[in-house]
Amino acid sequence: MLRGEIWTYRPVLERPGQSTLRIILSADGFNRDDSRVQVMGAHILDRDPGGLLSVQLEPHGWAVLTTVEAVIRRRLVERVGVATPDELAAVMAAFCALFDI
């Protein structure tokens, strides 16, 4: 599992309209440690919520950085894509803007 990968996520409780895609945001060294129960990710929505903290990831939707969360690794079901280098750079820029780092 690597930063920038896009995965289908199976939530504990499914809710209508809830996003089932996640983009992995945590560092590759962290992600490669299989003993870690969680990685860090963000939701991918099917429509643009607007604002500077959402980034389009073709053809998957919009990564929304206000949804950064710990993602339970075993609930990541299938890798469905990978952000391009330009998309990942935009996602990480939005992440840094959100946390002022």
PDB file of N, CA and C in Angstrom:
ATOM      1  N   MET A   1       0.851  -1.170   0.000  1.00  0.00           N
ATOM      2  CA  MET A   1       0.000   0.000   0.000  1.00  0.00           C
ATOM      3  C   MET A   1       0.898   1.235   0.000  1.00  0.00           C
ATOM      4  N   LEU A   2       0.588   2.195  -0.888  1.00  0.00           N
ATOM      5  CA  LEU A   2       1.422   3.385  -1.045  1.00  0.00           C
ATOM      6  C   LEU A   2       0.583   4.658  -1.040  1.00  0.00           C
ATOM      7  N   ARG A   3       1.243   5.764  -0.690  1.00  0.00           N
ATOM      8  CA  ARG A   3       0.576   7.072  -0.749  1.00  0.00           C
ATOM      9  C   ARG A   3       0.095   7.302  -2.180  1.00  0.00           C
ATOM     10  N   GLY A   4      -1.123   7.801  -2.300  1.00  0.00           N
ATOM     11  CA  GLY A   4      -1.693   8.110  -3.608  1.00  0.00           C
ATOM     12  C   GLY A   4      -2.559   7.014  -4.189  1.00  0.00           C
ATOM     13  N   GLU A   5      -2.521   5.820  -3.581  1.00  0.00           N
ATOM     14  CA  GLU A   5      -3.397   4.759  -4.069  1.00  0.00           C
ATOM     15  C   GLU A   5      -4.844   5.056  -3.680  1.00  0.00           C
ATOM     16  N   ILE A   6      -5.755   4.620  -4.531  1.00  0.00           N
ATOM     17  CA  ILE A   6      -7.187   4.819  -4.309  1.00  0.00           C
ATOM     18  C   ILE A   6      -7.806   3.445  -4.086  1.00  0.00           C
ATOM     19  N   TRP A   7      -8.520   3.317  -2.971  1.00  0.00           N
ATOM     20  CA  TRP A   7      -9.079   2.026  -2.552  1.00  0.00           C
ATOM     21  C   TRP A   7     -10.577   2.132  -2.314  1.00  0.00           C
ATOM     22  N   THR A   8     -11.256   1.028  -2.566  1.00  0.00           N
ATOM     23  CA  THR A   8     -12.646   0.878  -2.141  1.00  0.00           C
ATOM     24  C   THR A   8     -12.620   0.542  -0.655  1.00  0.00           C
ATOM     25  N   TYR A   9     -13.473   1.218   0.103  1.00  0.00           N
ATOM     26  CA  TYR A   9     -13.527   1.058   1.564  1.00  0.00           C
ATOM     27  C   TYR A   9     -14.884   0.492   1.961  1.00  0.00           C
ATOM     28  N   ARG A  10     -14.877  -0.513   2.814  1.00  0.00           N
ATOM     29  CA  ARG A  10     -16.109  -1.107   3.330  1.00  0.00           C
ATOM     30  C   ARG A  10     -16.327  -0.584   4.749  1.00  0.00           C
ATOM     31  N   PRO A  11     -17.233   0.370   4.941  1.00  0.00           N
ATOM     32  CA  PRO A  11     -17.468   0.927   6.276  1.00  0.00           C
ATOM     33  C   PRO A  11     -18.145  -0.076   7.210  1.00  0.00           C
ATOM     34  N   VAL A  12     -18.007   0.152   8.496  1.00  0.00           N
ATOM     35  CA  VAL A  12     -18.657  -0.693   9.496  1.00  0.00           C
ATOM     36  C   VAL A  12     -20.172  -0.587   9.338  1.00  0.00           C
ATOM     37  N   LEU A  13     -20.658   0.631   9.249  1.00  0.00           N
ATOM     38  CA  LEU A  13     -22.085   0.882   9.027  1.00  0.00           C
ATOM     39  C   LEU A  13     -22.239   1.658   7.730  1.00  0.00           C
ATOM     40  N   GLU A  14     -22.878   1.069   6.758  1.00  0.00           N
ATOM     41  CA  GLU A  14     -23.087   1.754   5.489  1.00  0.00           C
ATOM     42  C   GLU A  14     -24.253   2.728   5.619  1.00  0.00           C
ATOM     43  N   ARG A  15     -24.049   3.922   5.078  1.00  0.00           N
ATOM     44  CA  ARG A  15     -25.081   4.954   5.076  1.00  0.00           C
ATOM     45  C   ARG A  15     -25.313   5.425   3.653  1.00  0.00           C
ATOM     46  N   PRO A  16     -26.544   5.675   3.264  1.00  0.00           N
ATOM     47  CA  PRO A  16     -26.819   6.171   1.916  1.00  0.00           C
ATOM     48  C   PRO A  16     -26.025   7.451   1.644  1.00  0.00           C
ATOM     49  N   GLY A  17     -25.393   7.496   0.484  1.00  0.00           N
ATOM     50  CA  GLY A  17     -24.637   8.678   0.106  1.00  0.00           C
ATOM     51  C   GLY A  17     -23.228   8.747   0.658  1.00  0.00           C
ATOM     52  N   GLN A  18     -22.851   7.800   1.507  1.00  0.00           N
ATOM     53  CA  GLN A  18     -21.520   7.803   2.109  1.00  0.00           C
ATOM     54  C   GLN A  18     -20.474   7.386   1.077  1.00  0.00           C
ATOM     55  N   SER A  19     -19.364   8.054   1.069  1.00  0.00           N
ATOM     56  CA  SER A  19     -18.272   7.724   0.158  1.00  0.00           C
ATOM     57  C   SER A  19     -17.691   6.355   0.485  1.00  0.00           C
ATOM     58  N   THR A  20     -17.399   5.577  -0.560  1.00  0.00           N
ATOM     59  CA  THR A  20     -16.764   4.273  -0.350  1.00  0.00           C
ATOM     60  C   THR A  20     -15.374   4.219  -0.979  1.00  0.00           C
ATOM     61  N   LEU A  21     -14.843   5.363  -1.396  1.00  0.00           N
ATOM     62  CA  LEU A  21     -13.481   5.425  -1.912  1.00  0.00           C
ATOM     63  C   LEU A  21     -12.615   6.236  -0.980  1.00  0.00           C
ATOM     64  N   ARG A  22     -11.355   5.802  -0.832  1.00  0.00           N
ATOM     65  CA  ARG A  22     -10.379   6.521  -0.012  1.00  0.00           C
ATOM     66  C   ARG A  22      -9.081   6.657  -0.789  1.00  0.00           C
ATOM     67  N   ILE A  23      -8.422   7.802  -0.615  1.00  0.00           N
ATOM     68  CA  ILE A  23      -7.065   7.969  -1.122  1.00  0.00           C
ATOM     69  C   ILE A  23      -6.131   7.888   0.079  1.00  0.00           C
ATOM     70  N   ILE A  24      -5.062   7.139  -0.066  1.00  0.00           N
ATOM     71  CA  ILE A  24      -4.101   6.952   1.021  1.00  0.00           C
ATOM     72  C   ILE A  24      -3.174   8.165   1.067  1.00  0.00           C
ATOM     73  N   LEU A  25      -3.026   8.765   2.261  1.00  0.00           N
ATOM     74  CA  LEU A  25      -2.228   9.972   2.439  1.00  0.00           C
ATOM     75  C   LEU A  25      -0.969   9.758   3.277  1.00  0.00           C
ATOM     76  N   SER A  26      -0.949   8.741   4.100  1.00  0.00           N
ATOM     77  CA  SER A  26       0.201   8.542   4.994  1.00  0.00           C
ATOM     78  C   SER A  26       1.438   8.132   4.201  1.00  0.00           C
ATOM     79  N   ALA A  27       2.587   8.324   4.822  1.00  0.00           N
ATOM     80  CA  ALA A  27       3.879   8.070   4.187  1.00  0.00           C
ATOM     81  C   ALA A  27       4.065   6.594   3.865  1.00  0.00           C
ATOM     82  N   ASP A  28       4.787   6.322   2.792  1.00  0.00           N
ATOM     83  CA  ASP A  28       4.976   4.944   2.340  1.00  0.00           C
ATOM     84  C   ASP A  28       5.620   4.056   3.404  1.00  0.00           C
ATOM     85  N   GLY A  29       6.597   4.570   4.140  1.00  0.00           N
ATOM     86  CA  GLY A  29       7.216   3.776   5.200  1.00  0.00           C
ATOM     87  C   GLY A  29       6.201   3.355   6.251  1.00  0.00           C
ATOM     88  N   PHE A  30       5.309   4.248   6.608  1.00  0.00           N
ATOM     89  CA  PHE A  30       4.232   3.958   7.555  1.00  0.00           C
ATOM     90  C   PHE A  30       3.289   2.916   6.961  1.00  0.00           C
ATOM     91  N   ASN A  31       2.919   3.104   5.692  1.00  0.00           N
ATOM     92  CA  ASN A  31       1.958   2.221   5.029  1.00  0.00           C
ATOM     93  C   ASN A  31       2.496   0.807   4.846  1.00  0.00           C
ATOM     94  N   ARG A  32       3.792   0.665   4.657  1.00  0.00           N
ATOM     95  CA  ARG A  32       4.382  -0.660   4.409  1.00  0.00           C
ATOM     96  C   ARG A  32       4.450  -1.531   5.660  1.00  0.00           C
ATOM     97  N   ASP A  33       4.278  -0.916   6.812  1.00  0.00           N
ATOM     98  CA  ASP A  33       4.329  -1.655   8.079  1.00  0.00           C
ATOM     99  C   ASP A  33       2.984  -2.349   8.293  1.00  0.00           C
ATOM    100  N   ASP A  34       2.923  -3.630   7.923  1.00  0.00           N
ATOM    101  CA  ASP A  34       1.670  -4.389   8.012  1.00  0.00           C
ATOM    102  C   ASP A  34       1.156  -4.569   9.430  1.00  0.00           C
ATOM    103  N   SER A  35       1.996  -4.302  10.431  1.00  0.00           N
ATOM    104  CA  SER A  35       1.523  -4.429  11.811  1.00  0.00           C
ATOM    105  C   SER A  35       0.635  -3.251  12.207  1.00  0.00           C
ATOM    106  N   ARG A  36       0.660  -2.191  11.414  1.00  0.00           N
ATOM    107  CA  ARG A  36      -0.202  -1.031  11.708  1.00  0.00           C
ATOM    108  C   ARG A  36      -1.631  -1.353  11.285  1.00  0.00           C
ATOM    109  N   VAL A  37      -2.552  -1.155  12.187  1.00  0.00           N
ATOM    110  CA  VAL A  37      -3.965  -1.455  11.943  1.00  0.00           C
ATOM    111  C   VAL A  37      -4.595  -0.404  11.038  1.00  0.00           C
ATOM    112  N   GLN A  38      -4.069   0.818  11.084  1.00  0.00           N
ATOM    113  CA  GLN A  38      -4.662   1.919  10.343  1.00  0.00           C
ATOM    114  C   GLN A  38      -3.616   2.641   9.497  1.00  0.00           C
ATOM    115  N   VAL A  39      -4.107   3.262   8.428  1.00  0.00           N
ATOM    116  CA  VAL A  39      -3.331   4.205   7.637  1.00  0.00           C
ATOM    117  C   VAL A  39      -4.156   5.488   7.589  1.00  0.00           C
ATOM    118  N   MET A  40      -3.583   6.558   7.078  1.00  0.00           N
ATOM    119  CA  MET A  40      -4.322   7.812   6.975  1.00  0.00           C
ATOM    120  C   MET A  40      -4.831   7.980   5.550  1.00  0.00           C
ATOM    121  N   GLY A  41      -6.073   8.431   5.442  1.00  0.00           N
ATOM    122  CA  GLY A  41      -6.662   8.620   4.127  1.00  0.00           C
ATOM    123  C   GLY A  41      -7.711   9.710   4.140  1.00  0.00           C
ATOM    124  N   ALA A  42      -8.285   9.952   2.972  1.00  0.00           N
ATOM    125  CA  ALA A  42      -9.358  10.936   2.834  1.00  0.00           C
ATOM    126  C   ALA A  42     -10.425  10.365   1.908  1.00  0.00           C
ATOM    127  N   HIS A  43     -11.645  10.830   2.079  1.00  0.00           N
ATOM    128  CA  HIS A  43     -12.770  10.397   1.252  1.00  0.00           C
ATOM    129  C   HIS A  43     -12.629  10.949  -0.160  1.00  0.00           C
ATOM    130  N   ILE A  44     -13.138  10.187  -1.104  1.00  0.00           N
ATOM    131  CA  ILE A  44     -13.274  10.656  -2.482  1.00  0.00           C
ATOM    132  C   ILE A  44     -14.763  10.684  -2.789  1.00  0.00           C
ATOM    133  N   LEU A  45     -15.260  11.878  -3.125  1.00  0.00           N
ATOM    134  CA  LEU A  45     -16.681  12.065  -3.441  1.00  0.00           C
ATOM    135  C   LEU A  45     -16.882  12.038  -4.942  1.00  0.00           C
ATOM    136  N   ASP A  46     -18.107  11.725  -5.356  1.00  0.00           N
ATOM    137  CA  ASP A  46     -18.393  11.656  -6.791  1.00  0.00           C
ATOM    138  C   ASP A  46     -18.689  13.012  -7.408  1.00  0.00           C
ATOM    139  N   ARG A  47     -18.791  14.059  -6.590  1.00  0.00           N
ATOM    140  CA  ARG A  47     -19.040  15.409  -7.107  1.00  0.00           C
ATOM    141  C   ARG A  47     -18.151  16.405  -6.376  1.00  0.00           C
ATOM    142  N   ASP A  48     -17.896  17.519  -7.027  1.00  0.00           N
ATOM    143  CA  ASP A  48     -17.036  18.561  -6.468  1.00  0.00           C
ATOM    144  C   ASP A  48     -17.780  19.298  -5.354  1.00  0.00           C
ATOM    145  N   PRO A  49     -17.271  19.225  -4.117  1.00  0.00           N
ATOM    146  CA  PRO A  49     -17.918  19.947  -3.027  1.00  0.00           C
ATOM    147  C   PRO A  49     -17.555  21.432  -3.019  1.00  0.00           C
ATOM    148  N   GLY A  50     -16.638  21.824  -3.879  1.00  0.00           N
ATOM    149  CA  GLY A  50     -16.204  23.214  -3.960  1.00  0.00           C
ATOM    150  C   GLY A  50     -15.127  23.523  -2.938  1.00  0.00           C
ATOM    151  N   GLY A  51     -14.407  24.573  -3.177  1.00  0.00           N
ATOM    152  CA  GLY A  51     -13.379  25.007  -2.248  1.00  0.00           C
ATOM    153  C   GLY A  51     -11.982  24.544  -2.649  1.00  0.00           C
ATOM    154  N   LEU A  52     -11.007  25.106  -1.970  1.00  0.00           N
ATOM    155  CA  LEU A  52      -9.608  24.830  -2.280  1.00  0.00           C
ATOM    156  C   LEU A  52      -9.103  23.531  -1.675  1.00  0.00           C
ATOM    157  N   LEU A  53      -9.891  22.900  -0.816  1.00  0.00           N
ATOM    158  CA  LEU A  53      -9.446  21.682  -0.134  1.00  0.00           C
ATOM    159  C   LEU A  53     -10.011  20.415  -0.755  1.00  0.00           C
ATOM    160  N   SER A  54     -10.426  20.512  -2.013  1.00  0.00           N
ATOM    161  CA  SER A  54     -10.856  19.326  -2.745  1.00  0.00           C
ATOM    162  C   SER A  54     -10.110  19.298  -4.074  1.00  0.00           C
ATOM    163  N   VAL A  55      -9.681  18.107  -4.465  1.00  0.00           N
ATOM    164  CA  VAL A  55      -8.842  17.932  -5.653  1.00  0.00           C
ATOM    165  C   VAL A  55      -9.459  16.854  -6.532  1.00  0.00           C
ATOM    166  N   GLN A  56      -9.601  17.146  -7.818  1.00  0.00           N
ATOM    167  CA  GLN A  56     -10.165  16.165  -8.740  1.00  0.00           C
ATOM    168  C   GLN A  56      -9.154  15.063  -9.026  1.00  0.00           C
ATOM    169  N   LEU A  57      -9.638  13.819  -8.946  1.00  0.00           N
ATOM    170  CA  LEU A  57      -8.847  12.637  -9.252  1.00  0.00           C
ATOM    171  C   LEU A  57      -9.575  11.881 -10.364  1.00  0.00           C
ATOM    172  N   GLU A  58      -9.192  12.120 -11.604  1.00  0.00           N
ATOM    173  CA  GLU A  58      -9.865  11.478 -12.743  1.00  0.00           C
ATOM    174  C   GLU A  58      -9.595   9.990 -12.754  1.00  0.00           C
ATOM    175  N   PRO A  59     -10.536   9.154 -12.978  1.00  0.00           N
ATOM    176  CA  PRO A  59     -11.974   9.363 -13.150  1.00  0.00           C
ATOM    177  C   PRO A  59     -12.755   9.096 -11.872  1.00  0.00           C
ATOM    178  N   HIS A  60     -12.087   9.099 -10.729  1.00  0.00           N
ATOM    179  CA  HIS A  60     -12.681   8.617  -9.479  1.00  0.00           C
ATOM    180  C   HIS A  60     -13.565   9.626  -8.747  1.00  0.00           C
ATOM    181  N   GLY A  61     -13.295  10.906  -8.907  1.00  0.00           N
ATOM    182  CA  GLY A  61     -14.068  11.916  -8.204  1.00  0.00           C
ATOM    183  C   GLY A  61     -13.169  12.967  -7.595  1.00  0.00           C
ATOM    184  N   TRP A  62     -13.542  13.426  -6.409  1.00  0.00           N
ATOM    185  CA  TRP A  62     -12.860  14.536  -5.746  1.00  0.00           C
ATOM    186  C   TRP A  62     -12.373  14.121  -4.365  1.00  0.00           C
ATOM    187  N   ALA A  63     -11.060  14.206  -4.150  1.00  0.00           N
ATOM    188  CA  ALA A  63     -10.492  13.969  -2.821  1.00  0.00           C
ATOM    189  C   ALA A  63     -10.802  15.199  -1.979  1.00  0.00           C
ATOM    190  N   VAL A  64     -11.395  14.979  -0.818  1.00  0.00           N
ATOM    191  CA  VAL A  64     -11.813  16.084   0.053  1.00  0.00           C
ATOM    192  C   VAL A  64     -10.957  16.038   1.317  1.00  0.00           C
ATOM    193  N   LEU A  65     -10.078  17.024   1.455  1.00  0.00           N
ATOM    194  CA  LEU A  65      -9.101  16.983   2.534  1.00  0.00           C
ATOM    195  C   LEU A  65      -9.689  17.285   3.900  1.00  0.00           C
ATOM    196  N   THR A  66     -10.893  17.809   3.953  1.00  0.00           N
ATOM    197  CA  THR A  66     -11.535  18.014   5.256  1.00  0.00           C
ATOM    198  C   THR A  66     -12.048  16.705   5.838  1.00  0.00           C
ATOM    199  N   THR A  67     -11.870  15.589   5.104  1.00  0.00           N
ATOM    200  CA  THR A  67     -12.310  14.280   5.591  1.00  0.00           C
ATOM    201  C   THR A  67     -11.136  13.385   5.960  1.00  0.00           C
ATOM    202  N   VAL A  68      -9.957  13.950   6.179  1.00  0.00           N
ATOM    203  CA  VAL A  68      -8.792  13.148   6.559  1.00  0.00           C
ATOM    204  C   VAL A  68      -9.124  12.372   7.827  1.00  0.00           C
ATOM    205  N   GLU A  69      -8.800  11.062   7.807  1.00  0.00           N
ATOM    206  CA  GLU A  69      -9.134  10.209   8.939  1.00  0.00           C
ATOM    207  C   GLU A  69      -8.212   8.995   8.982  1.00  0.00           C
ATOM    208  N   ALA A  70      -8.204   8.336  10.122  1.00  0.00           N
ATOM    209  CA  ALA A  70      -7.540   7.041  10.233  1.00  0.00           C
ATOM    210  C   ALA A  70      -8.453   6.015   9.549  1.00  0.00           C
ATOM    211  N   VAL A  71      -7.881   5.260   8.622  1.00  0.00           N
ATOM    212  CA  VAL A  71      -8.629   4.272   7.848  1.00  0.00           C
ATOM    213  C   VAL A  71      -8.181   2.882   8.294  1.00  0.00           C
ATOM    214  N   ILE A  72      -9.126   2.057   8.675  1.00  0.00           N
ATOM    215  CA  ILE A  72      -8.809   0.699   9.120  1.00  0.00           C
ATOM    216  C   ILE A  72      -8.366  -0.115   7.904  1.00  0.00           C
ATOM    217  N   ARG A  73      -7.137  -0.585   7.964  1.00  0.00           N
ATOM    218  CA  ARG A  73      -6.511  -1.274   6.834  1.00  0.00           C
ATOM    219  C   ARG A  73      -7.332  -2.464   6.328  1.00  0.00           C
ATOM    220  N   ARG A  74      -7.868  -3.269   7.238  1.00  0.00           N
ATOM    221  CA  ARG A  74      -8.587  -4.476   6.793  1.00  0.00           C
ATOM    222  C   ARG A  74      -9.896  -4.152   6.089  1.00  0.00           C
ATOM    223  N   ARG A  75     -10.367  -2.912   6.183  1.00  0.00           N
ATOM    224  CA  ARG A  75     -11.597  -2.509   5.507  1.00  0.00           C
ATOM    225  C   ARG A  75     -11.339  -1.956   4.108  1.00  0.00           C
ATOM    226  N   LEU A  76     -10.065  -1.844   3.744  1.00  0.00           N
ATOM    227  CA  LEU A  76      -9.713  -1.462   2.380  1.00  0.00           C
ATOM    228  C   LEU A  76      -9.793  -2.728   1.532  1.00  0.00           C
ATOM    229  N   VAL A  77     -10.772  -2.774   0.642  1.00  0.00           N
ATOM    230  CA  VAL A  77     -11.128  -4.007  -0.049  1.00  0.00           C
ATOM    231  C   VAL A  77     -10.350  -4.205  -1.346  1.00  0.00           C
ATOM    232  N   GLU A  78     -10.301  -3.184  -2.180  1.00  0.00           N
ATOM    233  CA  GLU A  78      -9.704  -3.335  -3.507  1.00  0.00           C
ATOM    234  C   GLU A  78      -9.063  -2.030  -3.954  1.00  0.00           C
ATOM    235  N   ARG A  79      -7.830  -2.134  -4.464  1.00  0.00           N
ATOM    236  CA  ARG A  79      -7.182  -0.956  -5.047  1.00  0.00           C
ATOM    237  C   ARG A  79      -7.786  -0.722  -6.419  1.00  0.00           C
ATOM    238  N   VAL A  80      -8.338   0.480  -6.638  1.00  0.00           N
ATOM    239  CA  VAL A  80      -9.017   0.773  -7.895  1.00  0.00           C
ATOM    240  C   VAL A  80      -8.284   1.802  -8.741  1.00  0.00           C
ATOM    241  N   GLY A  81      -7.205   2.355  -8.220  1.00  0.00           N
ATOM    242  CA  GLY A  81      -6.464   3.339  -8.998  1.00  0.00           C
ATOM    243  C   GLY A  81      -5.330   3.950  -8.203  1.00  0.00           C
ATOM    244  N   VAL A  82      -4.626   4.851  -8.881  1.00  0.00           N
ATOM    245  CA  VAL A  82      -3.515   5.592  -8.274  1.00  0.00           C
ATOM    246  C   VAL A  82      -3.576   7.013  -8.807  1.00  0.00           C
ATOM    247  N   ALA A  83      -3.437   7.980  -7.923  1.00  0.00           N
ATOM    248  CA  ALA A  83      -3.399   9.378  -8.343  1.00  0.00           C
ATOM    249  C   ALA A  83      -2.153   9.614  -9.193  1.00  0.00           C
ATOM    250  N   THR A  84      -2.270  10.461 -10.208  1.00  0.00           N
ATOM    251  CA  THR A  84      -1.106  10.833 -11.010  1.00  0.00           C
ATOM    252  C   THR A  84      -0.167  11.663 -10.138  1.00  0.00           C
ATOM    253  N   PRO A  85       1.088  11.812 -10.535  1.00  0.00           N
ATOM    254  CA  PRO A  85       2.002  12.664  -9.751  1.00  0.00           C
ATOM    255  C   PRO A  85       1.459  14.085  -9.568  1.00  0.00           C
ATOM    256  N   ASP A  86       0.854  14.666 -10.604  1.00  0.00           N
ATOM    257  CA  ASP A  86       0.294  16.018 -10.483  1.00  0.00           C
ATOM    258  C   ASP A  86      -0.901  16.050  -9.528  1.00  0.00           C
ATOM    259  N   GLU A  87      -1.761  15.039  -9.616  1.00  0.00           N
ATOM    260  CA  GLU A  87      -2.905  14.969  -8.706  1.00  0.00           C
ATOM    261  C   GLU A  87      -2.429  14.818  -7.266  1.00  0.00           C
ATOM    262  N   LEU A  88      -1.458  13.932  -7.037  1.00  0.00           N
ATOM    263  CA  LEU A  88      -0.959  13.714  -5.679  1.00  0.00           C
ATOM    264  C   LEU A  88      -0.305  14.978  -5.136  1.00  0.00           C
ATOM    265  N   ALA A  89       0.423  15.703  -5.975  1.00  0.00           N
ATOM    266  CA  ALA A  89       1.030  16.969  -5.535  1.00  0.00           C
ATOM    267  C   ALA A  89      -0.053  17.969  -5.118  1.00  0.00           C
ATOM    268  N   ALA A  90      -1.153  18.024  -5.874  1.00  0.00           N
ATOM    269  CA  ALA A  90      -2.264  18.925  -5.527  1.00  0.00           C
ATOM    270  C   ALA A  90      -2.940  18.489  -4.232  1.00  0.00           C
ATOM    271  N   VAL A  91      -3.098  17.180  -4.039  1.00  0.00           N
ATOM    272  CA  VAL A  91      -3.687  16.657  -2.801  1.00  0.00           C
ATOM    273  C   VAL A  91      -2.803  17.019  -1.610  1.00  0.00           C
ATOM    274  N   MET A  92      -1.503  16.818  -1.743  1.00  0.00           N
ATOM    275  CA  MET A  92      -0.604  17.106  -0.623  1.00  0.00           C
ATOM    276  C   MET A  92      -0.515  18.608  -0.358  1.00  0.00           C
ATOM    277  N   ALA A  93      -0.625  19.441  -1.396  1.00  0.00           N
ATOM    278  CA  ALA A  93      -0.653  20.898  -1.198  1.00  0.00           C
ATOM    279  C   ALA A  93      -1.909  21.295  -0.424  1.00  0.00           C
ATOM    280  N   ALA A  94      -3.051  20.686  -0.760  1.00  0.00           N
ATOM    281  CA  ALA A  94      -4.294  20.965  -0.027  1.00  0.00           C
ATOM    282  C   ALA A  94      -4.180  20.486   1.417  1.00  0.00           C
ATOM    283  N   PHE A  95      -3.554  19.327   1.619  1.00  0.00           N
ATOM    284  CA  PHE A  95      -3.331  18.798   2.970  1.00  0.00           C
ATOM    285  C   PHE A  95      -2.502  19.785   3.793  1.00  0.00           C
ATOM    286  N   CYS A  96      -1.412  20.275   3.204  1.00  0.00           N
ATOM    287  CA  CYS A  96      -0.556  21.224   3.916  1.00  0.00           C
ATOM    288  C   CYS A  96      -1.298  22.533   4.192  1.00  0.00           C
ATOM    289  N   ALA A  97      -2.126  22.979   3.263  1.00  0.00           N
ATOM    290  CA  ALA A  97      -2.910  24.191   3.485  1.00  0.00           C
ATOM    291  C   ALA A  97      -3.899  23.999   4.626  1.00  0.00           C
ATOM    292  N   LEU A  98      -4.531  22.836   4.691  1.00  0.00           N
ATOM    293  CA  LEU A  98      -5.508  22.559   5.739  1.00  0.00           C
ATOM    294  C   LEU A  98      -4.865  22.653   7.124  1.00  0.00           C
ATOM    295  N   PHE A  99      -3.659  22.099   7.260  1.00  0.00           N
ATOM    296  CA  PHE A  99      -3.002  22.052   8.564  1.00  0.00           C
ATOM    297  C   PHE A  99      -1.953  23.149   8.740  1.00  0.00           C
ATOM    298  N   ASP A 100      -1.855  24.069   7.765  1.00  0.00           N
ATOM    299  CA  ASP A 100      -0.909  25.189   7.817  1.00  0.00           C
ATOM    300  C   ASP A 100       0.514  24.713   8.072  1.00  0.00           C
ATOM    301  N   ILE A 101       0.931  23.717   7.284  1.00  0.00           N
ATOM    302  CA  ILE A 101       2.308  23.202   7.418  1.00  0.00           C
ATOM    303  C   ILE A 101       3.075  23.373   6.115  1.00  0.00           C
TER     304      ILE A 101
END
